[in-house]
Each structure stands twice: as C-alpha cells, then as structure tokens.
Amino acid sequence: MANNTRARRTARLSRALGIALTPKAAKYMERRPYGPGEHGRARKKQDSDYAVRLREKQRLRAQYGIREAQMTRAFEEARRTKGLTGENLVELLEMRLDALVLRAGFARTIAQARQLVVHRHIMVDGIRVDRPSFRVGEGQLIHVHSRSEVMAPFQVAAAGAHALNNVPAYLDVKLDALQARLVRRPKRSEVPVICEEQLVVEFYAR
C-alpha cells in the first residue's frame, strides 16, 4: 500500500514537472500526458520568468532526490569551482554515490539507490559507505558487498534489468560482478538528466 502511494505521488510530481522520474511514472505519463489535477488539461497562461526558473530547479532536485539544503550547498560549491556554474552543478551532483549506483544499473530508481546505500550494501574501494551524498572520486571502485550480492534485488540488477542502453562514458561498469568504476569526472553533456542548468543558476543568483 505504501509503495502504491509513493508511486502515485511520484507520478503526480512527474506530470507536474513534465519529466518521468521513474520507469513507472513514465507509463503514467504515457496515459496522462498533461499536468495533474482537475485543470491539468486546461491551457495555462504564460509562466513568469520566476516560475520557469523555479520549475527547472525543482526538476533537477527531483531527478537526484535531494533536499533544498543539499541543492543549495552543491550550488555554492559549483559557483566557487572554476568553469561554468551550471555545468559544475550537474557534474557535482552526478558524482554522488546514489546517482552513480543508479547509472551503473544497480538500482531501478534514485530512491532505491539511496536505500541500498543507507542500508550499507554498497562499498567504495572496499569500505562500506552509508551516505548517499558521498562524493565518489575519480578512479574509485563502487561495488556491492559480497554478502549482499545474493539478495534478490542485486541478482535482478546483475541480470541487466536496470541497465541503461548507453552507459555514460565516465563509468566503467561490470554489471555481472556488480562493480562500477568512476574513471573520470562526468561532463555535463554526458549526464542523462533533463535540465536547463542555466535557468537553475539564474534562480539562485536572483
């Protein structure tokens, strides 16, 4: 029952933001390709600049499943980092452990990836890490704890059930061994998130 409620909530948020946050939400959106609520089908008036920027920020947050405080901290770090702030922001978020667990195909959704990390099933260079926000460094190996490999969710993952059609070039994935190495820092153009990051920068810079 709780899973169904969560799925409906995610589907509603997906329709509001115009992006599918989970595979199940994508199916909901195919059936109802319009916003949620009784006025979802109605033609809306033009959004203000603020509303457009806010929605783009919410989109990015939702795709990584992070809180506003985490997003703000990441933005401040991105702003201090050499290069384009928007690209830096996405690249830094992509180096979170939960995001890379998802990209590697160990989990079906970002929420499941976060749960796997919190429950201490995931290791980085042989050490258990239970913080989804852990920043994985270049060259580090992400792998499933040996005692967890026999669990059904990981057997499903190892069979390729959650594998991306195109694994990002910054990851070297050995799915059958439930291992993935971050070979280098991600480039924004390679990160599979839907976002106009410049609008996010403008939101925080207002």
C-alpha atoms as a PDB file:
ATOM      1  CA  MET A   1       0.000   0.000   0.000  1.00  0.00           C
ATOM      2  CA  ALA A   2       2.813   2.399   0.920  1.00  0.00           C
ATOM      3  CA  ASN A   3       4.605   1.569  -2.331  1.00  0.00           C
ATOM      4  CA  ASN A   4       1.471   2.335  -4.353  1.00  0.00           C
ATOM      5  CA  THR A   5       1.009   5.648  -2.550  1.00  0.00           C
ATOM      6  CA  ARG A   6       4.638   6.551  -3.181  1.00  0.00           C
ATOM      7  CA  ALA A   7       4.317   5.577  -6.836  1.00  0.00           C
ATOM      8  CA  ARG A   8       1.219   7.752  -7.284  1.00  0.00           C
ATOM      9  CA  ARG A   9       2.944  10.674  -5.571  1.00  0.00           C
ATOM     10  CA  THR A  10       5.985  10.287  -7.833  1.00  0.00           C
ATOM     11  CA  ALA A  11       3.771  10.061 -10.904  1.00  0.00           C
ATOM     12  CA  ARG A  12       1.941  13.232  -9.898  1.00  0.00           C
ATOM     13  CA  LEU A  13       5.225  15.080  -9.365  1.00  0.00           C
ATOM     14  CA  SER A  14       6.496  13.779 -12.701  1.00  0.00           C
ATOM     15  CA  ARG A  15       3.433  15.137 -14.512  1.00  0.00           C
ATOM     16  CA  ALA A  16       3.764  18.489 -12.730  1.00  0.00           C
ATOM     17  CA  LEU A  17       7.438  18.808 -13.727  1.00  0.00           C
ATOM     18  CA  GLY A  18       6.997  17.356 -17.207  1.00  0.00           C
ATOM     19  CA  ILE A  19       9.626  14.627 -16.779  1.00  0.00           C
ATOM     20  CA  ALA A  20       9.393  10.948 -15.842  1.00  0.00           C
ATOM     21  CA  LEU A  21      11.195  10.462 -12.528  1.00  0.00           C
ATOM     22  CA  THR A  22      10.820   6.659 -12.552  1.00  0.00           C
ATOM     23  CA  PRO A  23      10.031   3.985 -15.165  1.00  0.00           C
ATOM     24  CA  LYS A  24       6.579   3.545 -13.594  1.00  0.00           C
ATOM     25  CA  ALA A  25       5.974   7.295 -13.771  1.00  0.00           C
ATOM     26  CA  ALA A  26       6.835   7.184 -17.469  1.00  0.00           C
ATOM     27  CA  LYS A  27       3.939   4.754 -18.014  1.00  0.00           C
ATOM     28  CA  TYR A  28       1.580   7.038 -16.084  1.00  0.00           C
ATOM     29  CA  MET A  29       2.653   9.960 -18.260  1.00  0.00           C
ATOM     30  CA  GLU A  30       2.020   7.999 -21.445  1.00  0.00           C
ATOM     31  CA  ARG A  31      -1.578   7.522 -20.337  1.00  0.00           C
ATOM     32  CA  ARG A  32      -1.966  11.077 -18.995  1.00  0.00           C
ATOM     33  CA  PRO A  33       0.335  13.422 -20.911  1.00  0.00           C
ATOM     34  CA  TYR A  34      -0.822  16.551 -19.080  1.00  0.00           C
ATOM     35  CA  GLY A  35      -0.456  18.144 -15.660  1.00  0.00           C
ATOM     36  CA  PRO A  36      -2.130  16.723 -12.552  1.00  0.00           C
ATOM     37  CA  GLY A  37      -5.385  17.989 -11.050  1.00  0.00           C
ATOM     38  CA  GLU A  38      -8.759  18.953 -12.471  1.00  0.00           C
ATOM     39  CA  HIS A  39      -7.203  21.769 -14.506  1.00  0.00           C
ATOM     40  CA  GLY A  40      -4.360  19.658 -15.858  1.00  0.00           C
ATOM     41  CA  ARG A  41      -5.797  19.536 -19.378  1.00  0.00           C
ATOM     42  CA  ALA A  42      -6.599  23.235 -19.484  1.00  0.00           C
ATOM     43  CA  ARG A  43      -4.412  25.605 -21.427  1.00  0.00           C
ATOM     44  CA  LYS A  44      -2.306  27.557 -18.973  1.00  0.00           C
ATOM     45  CA  LYS A  45      -1.329  31.178 -19.096  1.00  0.00           C
ATOM     46  CA  GLN A  46       2.304  32.028 -19.745  1.00  0.00           C
ATOM     47  CA  ASP A  47       4.509  31.298 -16.734  1.00  0.00           C
ATOM     48  CA  SER A  48       6.528  34.112 -15.208  1.00  0.00           C
ATOM     49  CA  ASP A  49      10.329  34.052 -15.508  1.00  0.00           C
ATOM     50  CA  TYR A  50      10.492  33.169 -11.828  1.00  0.00           C
ATOM     51  CA  ALA A  51       8.100  30.230 -12.257  1.00  0.00           C
ATOM     52  CA  VAL A  52      10.124  28.881 -15.184  1.00  0.00           C
ATOM     53  CA  ARG A  53      13.373  29.056 -13.199  1.00  0.00           C
ATOM     54  CA  LEU A  54      11.765  27.561 -10.112  1.00  0.00           C
ATOM     55  CA  ARG A  55      10.367  24.627 -12.080  1.00  0.00           C
ATOM     56  CA  GLU A  56      13.775  23.941 -13.641  1.00  0.00           C
ATOM     57  CA  LYS A  57      15.404  23.937 -10.213  1.00  0.00           C
ATOM     58  CA  GLN A  58      12.722  21.581  -8.914  1.00  0.00           C
ATOM     59  CA  ARG A  59      13.256  19.313 -11.902  1.00  0.00           C
ATOM     60  CA  LEU A  60      16.953  18.969 -11.157  1.00  0.00           C
ATOM     61  CA  ARG A  61      16.308  18.419  -7.454  1.00  0.00           C
ATOM     62  CA  ALA A  62      13.707  15.749  -8.150  1.00  0.00           C
ATOM     63  CA  GLN A  63      15.937  13.804 -10.527  1.00  0.00           C
ATOM     64  CA  TYR A  64      18.567  13.478  -7.797  1.00  0.00           C
ATOM     65  CA  GLY A  65      16.037  13.160  -4.977  1.00  0.00           C
ATOM     66  CA  ILE A  66      17.778  15.730  -2.798  1.00  0.00           C
ATOM     67  CA  ARG A  67      16.599  18.308  -0.289  1.00  0.00           C
ATOM     68  CA  GLU A  68      16.755  22.045  -0.885  1.00  0.00           C
ATOM     69  CA  ALA A  69      19.605  22.465   1.616  1.00  0.00           C
ATOM     70  CA  GLN A  70      21.672  19.883  -0.274  1.00  0.00           C
ATOM     71  CA  MET A  71      20.935  21.605  -3.559  1.00  0.00           C
ATOM     72  CA  THR A  72      21.960  24.974  -2.177  1.00  0.00           C
ATOM     73  CA  ARG A  73      25.248  23.612  -0.848  1.00  0.00           C
ATOM     74  CA  ALA A  74      26.005  21.994  -4.199  1.00  0.00           C
ATOM     75  CA  PHE A  75      25.252  25.263  -5.985  1.00  0.00           C
ATOM     76  CA  GLU A  76      27.595  27.218  -3.716  1.00  0.00           C
ATOM     77  CA  GLU A  77      30.369  24.719  -4.369  1.00  0.00           C
ATOM     78  CA  ALA A  78      29.682  24.839  -8.114  1.00  0.00           C
ATOM     79  CA  ARG A  79      29.873  28.632  -8.047  1.00  0.00           C
ATOM     80  CA  ARG A  80      33.294  28.511  -6.365  1.00  0.00           C
ATOM     81  CA  THR A  81      34.612  25.933  -8.842  1.00  0.00           C
ATOM     82  CA  LYS A  82      36.385  27.051 -11.999  1.00  0.00           C
ATOM     83  CA  GLY A  83      34.205  26.813 -15.106  1.00  0.00           C
ATOM     84  CA  LEU A  84      30.514  27.278 -15.861  1.00  0.00           C
ATOM     85  CA  THR A  85      28.464  27.168 -12.664  1.00  0.00           C
ATOM     86  CA  GLY A  86      25.516  25.295 -14.183  1.00  0.00           C
ATOM     87  CA  GLU A  87      27.676  22.577 -15.702  1.00  0.00           C
ATOM     88  CA  ASN A  88      29.684  22.302 -12.492  1.00  0.00           C
ATOM     89  CA  LEU A  89      26.459  21.869 -10.515  1.00  0.00           C
ATOM     90  CA  VAL A  90      25.211  18.936 -12.586  1.00  0.00           C
ATOM     91  CA  GLU A  91      28.649  17.322 -12.638  1.00  0.00           C
ATOM     92  CA  LEU A  92      28.993  17.562  -8.847  1.00  0.00           C
ATOM     93  CA  LEU A  93      25.537  16.101  -8.278  1.00  0.00           C
ATOM     94  CA  GLU A  94      26.320  13.275 -10.664  1.00  0.00           C
ATOM     95  CA  MET A  95      29.338  12.274  -8.562  1.00  0.00           C
ATOM     96  CA  ARG A  96      27.063  11.472  -5.590  1.00  0.00           C
ATOM     97  CA  LEU A  97      27.230   7.794  -4.687  1.00  0.00           C
ATOM     98  CA  ASP A  98      23.492   7.218  -5.045  1.00  0.00           C
ATOM     99  CA  ALA A  99      23.470   8.767  -8.519  1.00  0.00           C
ATOM    100  CA  LEU A 100      26.319   6.537  -9.691  1.00  0.00           C
ATOM    101  CA  VAL A 101      24.681   3.435  -8.189  1.00  0.00           C
ATOM    102  CA  LEU A 102      21.649   4.276 -10.347  1.00  0.00           C
ATOM    103  CA  ARG A 103      23.680   4.959 -13.510  1.00  0.00           C
ATOM    104  CA  ALA A 104      25.610   1.714 -13.042  1.00  0.00           C
ATOM    105  CA  GLY A 105      22.340  -0.228 -13.155  1.00  0.00           C
ATOM    106  CA  PHE A 106      22.465  -1.484  -9.571  1.00  0.00           C
ATOM    107  CA  ALA A 107      19.089   0.150  -8.845  1.00  0.00           C
ATOM    108  CA  ARG A 108      15.884   0.956 -10.726  1.00  0.00           C
ATOM    109  CA  THR A 109      15.295   4.429  -9.271  1.00  0.00           C
ATOM    110  CA  ILE A 110      17.232   7.073  -7.371  1.00  0.00           C
ATOM    111  CA  ALA A 111      15.122   6.290  -4.298  1.00  0.00           C
ATOM    112  CA  GLN A 112      16.110   2.613  -4.448  1.00  0.00           C
ATOM    113  CA  ALA A 113      19.757   3.579  -4.987  1.00  0.00           C
ATOM    114  CA  ARG A 114      19.650   5.793  -1.908  1.00  0.00           C
ATOM    115  CA  GLN A 115      18.070   2.966   0.117  1.00  0.00           C
ATOM    116  CA  LEU A 116      20.760   0.493  -0.952  1.00  0.00           C
ATOM    117  CA  VAL A 117      23.458   2.898   0.203  1.00  0.00           C
ATOM    118  CA  VAL A 118      21.759   3.727   3.520  1.00  0.00           C
ATOM    119  CA  HIS A 119      21.346   0.008   4.267  1.00  0.00           C
ATOM    120  CA  ARG A 120      25.114  -0.450   3.824  1.00  0.00           C
ATOM    121  CA  HIS A 121      25.009  -2.746   0.803  1.00  0.00           C
ATOM    122  CA  ILE A 122      27.341  -0.523  -1.228  1.00  0.00           C
ATOM    123  CA  MET A 123      31.104  -0.213  -0.859  1.00  0.00           C
ATOM    124  CA  VAL A 124      33.652   2.223  -2.274  1.00  0.00           C
ATOM    125  CA  ASP A 125      37.176   0.868  -2.595  1.00  0.00           C
ATOM    126  CA  GLY A 126      36.379  -1.909  -0.139  1.00  0.00           C
ATOM    127  CA  ILE A 127      34.828   0.303   2.531  1.00  0.00           C
ATOM    128  CA  ARG A 128      31.120   0.364   3.308  1.00  0.00           C
ATOM    129  CA  VAL A 129      29.585   3.793   2.730  1.00  0.00           C
ATOM    130  CA  ASP A 130      26.114   4.621   4.066  1.00  0.00           C
ATOM    131  CA  ARG A 131      25.861   8.260   2.913  1.00  0.00           C
ATOM    132  CA  PRO A 132      24.043   8.702  -0.421  1.00  0.00           C
ATOM    133  CA  SER A 133      25.673  12.138  -0.769  1.00  0.00           C
ATOM    134  CA  PHE A 134      29.194  10.669  -0.576  1.00  0.00           C
ATOM    135  CA  ARG A 135      31.307  12.208  -3.345  1.00  0.00           C
ATOM    136  CA  VAL A 136      32.962   9.471  -5.375  1.00  0.00           C
ATOM    137  CA  GLY A 137      36.423  10.373  -6.589  1.00  0.00           C
ATOM    138  CA  GLU A 138      37.977   9.681  -9.961  1.00  0.00           C
ATOM    139  CA  GLY A 139      39.292   6.131 -10.136  1.00  0.00           C
ATOM    140  CA  GLN A 140      37.285   4.851  -7.173  1.00  0.00           C
ATOM    141  CA  LEU A 141      35.515   1.499  -7.406  1.00  0.00           C
ATOM    142  CA  ILE A 142      31.856   1.169  -6.427  1.00  0.00           C
ATOM    143  CA  HIS A 143      30.792  -2.381  -5.663  1.00  0.00           C
ATOM    144  CA  VAL A 144      28.192  -4.408  -3.800  1.00  0.00           C
ATOM    145  CA  HIS A 145      29.174  -6.055  -0.518  1.00  0.00           C
ATOM    146  CA  SER A 146      29.853  -9.765  -1.005  1.00  0.00           C
ATOM    147  CA  ARG A 147      27.141 -10.743   1.480  1.00  0.00           C
ATOM    148  CA  SER A 148      24.582  -8.628  -0.357  1.00  0.00           C
ATOM    149  CA  GLU A 149      25.288  -9.966  -3.847  1.00  0.00           C
ATOM    150  CA  VAL A 150      22.977 -12.963  -3.327  1.00  0.00           C
ATOM    151  CA  MET A 151      19.992 -10.759  -2.448  1.00  0.00           C
ATOM    152  CA  ALA A 152      17.172 -10.734  -5.000  1.00  0.00           C
ATOM    153  CA  PRO A 153      17.424  -7.013  -5.925  1.00  0.00           C
ATOM    154  CA  PHE A 154      21.102  -7.415  -6.790  1.00  0.00           C
ATOM    155  CA  GLN A 155      20.555 -10.643  -8.702  1.00  0.00           C
ATOM    156  CA  VAL A 156      17.944  -8.806 -10.763  1.00  0.00           C
ATOM    157  CA  ALA A 157      20.385  -5.928 -11.296  1.00  0.00           C
ATOM    158  CA  ALA A 158      23.241  -8.244 -12.272  1.00  0.00           C
ATOM    159  CA  ALA A 159      20.983  -9.776 -14.930  1.00  0.00           C
ATOM    160  CA  GLY A 160      20.716  -6.337 -16.519  1.00  0.00           C
ATOM    161  CA  ALA A 161      17.162  -5.434 -15.546  1.00  0.00           C
ATOM    162  CA  HIS A 162      18.054  -1.815 -14.760  1.00  0.00           C
ATOM    163  CA  ALA A 163      20.942  -1.320 -17.187  1.00  0.00           C
ATOM    164  CA  LEU A 164      20.968   1.820 -19.308  1.00  0.00           C
ATOM    165  CA  ASN A 165      21.024   1.409 -23.074  1.00  0.00           C
ATOM    166  CA  ASN A 166      24.117   3.596 -23.144  1.00  0.00           C
ATOM    167  CA  VAL A 167      26.269   3.574 -20.018  1.00  0.00           C
ATOM    168  CA  PRO A 168      27.850   7.031 -19.559  1.00  0.00           C
ATOM    169  CA  ALA A 169      31.480   7.143 -20.670  1.00  0.00           C
ATOM    170  CA  TYR A 170      32.641   8.261 -17.235  1.00  0.00           C
ATOM    171  CA  LEU A 171      31.669   4.877 -15.776  1.00  0.00           C
ATOM    172  CA  ASP A 172      33.311   1.517 -16.408  1.00  0.00           C
ATOM    173  CA  VAL A 173      30.616  -0.976 -15.410  1.00  0.00           C
ATOM    174  CA  LYS A 174      30.971  -4.723 -14.920  1.00  0.00           C
ATOM    175  CA  LEU A 175      27.355  -5.494 -14.156  1.00  0.00           C
ATOM    176  CA  ASP A 176      27.732  -9.247 -13.751  1.00  0.00           C
ATOM    177  CA  ALA A 177      30.282  -8.551 -10.990  1.00  0.00           C
ATOM    178  CA  LEU A 178      28.175  -5.656  -9.609  1.00  0.00           C
ATOM    179  CA  GLN A 179      31.108  -3.293  -9.955  1.00  0.00           C
ATOM    180  CA  ALA A 180      31.475   0.173 -11.456  1.00  0.00           C
ATOM    181  CA  ARG A 181      34.458   2.499 -11.543  1.00  0.00           C
ATOM    182  CA  LEU A 182      34.255   6.264 -11.945  1.00  0.00           C
ATOM    183  CA  VAL A 183      37.032   6.629 -14.483  1.00  0.00           C
ATOM    184  CA  ARG A 184      36.854  10.427 -14.617  1.00  0.00           C
ATOM    185  CA  ARG A 185      34.734  13.412 -13.706  1.00  0.00           C
ATOM    186  CA  PRO A 186      31.450  13.453 -15.650  1.00  0.00           C
ATOM    187  CA  LYS A 187      30.914  16.040 -18.362  1.00  0.00           C
ATOM    188  CA  ARG A 188      27.561  17.794 -18.389  1.00  0.00           C
ATOM    189  CA  SER A 189      26.882  16.705 -21.968  1.00  0.00           C
ATOM    190  CA  GLU A 190      27.132  13.049 -20.885  1.00  0.00           C
ATOM    191  CA  VAL A 191      24.955  13.236 -17.783  1.00  0.00           C
ATOM    192  CA  PRO A 192      21.477  11.780 -18.507  1.00  0.00           C
ATOM    193  CA  VAL A 193      19.379  14.348 -16.661  1.00  0.00           C
ATOM    194  CA  ILE A 194      16.835  16.690 -18.225  1.00  0.00           C
ATOM    195  CA  CYS A 195      17.644  20.211 -17.137  1.00  0.00           C
ATOM    196  CA  GLU A 196      18.350  23.708 -18.408  1.00  0.00           C
ATOM    197  CA  GLU A 197      21.048  24.292 -15.825  1.00  0.00           C
ATOM    198  CA  GLN A 198      21.487  27.963 -16.718  1.00  0.00           C
ATOM    199  CA  LEU A 199      17.933  28.601 -15.508  1.00  0.00           C
ATOM    200  CA  VAL A 200      18.856  26.958 -12.204  1.00  0.00           C
ATOM    201  CA  VAL A 201      21.845  29.286 -11.917  1.00  0.00           C
ATOM    202  CA  GLU A 202      19.589  32.259 -12.624  1.00  0.00           C
ATOM    203  CA  PHE A 203      17.164  31.071  -9.929  1.00  0.00           C
ATOM    204  CA  TYR A 204      19.823  31.016  -7.243  1.00  0.00           C
ATOM    205  CA  ALA A 205      21.513  34.189  -8.486  1.00  0.00           C
ATOM    206  CA  ARG A 206      18.337  36.264  -8.256  1.00  0.00           C
END
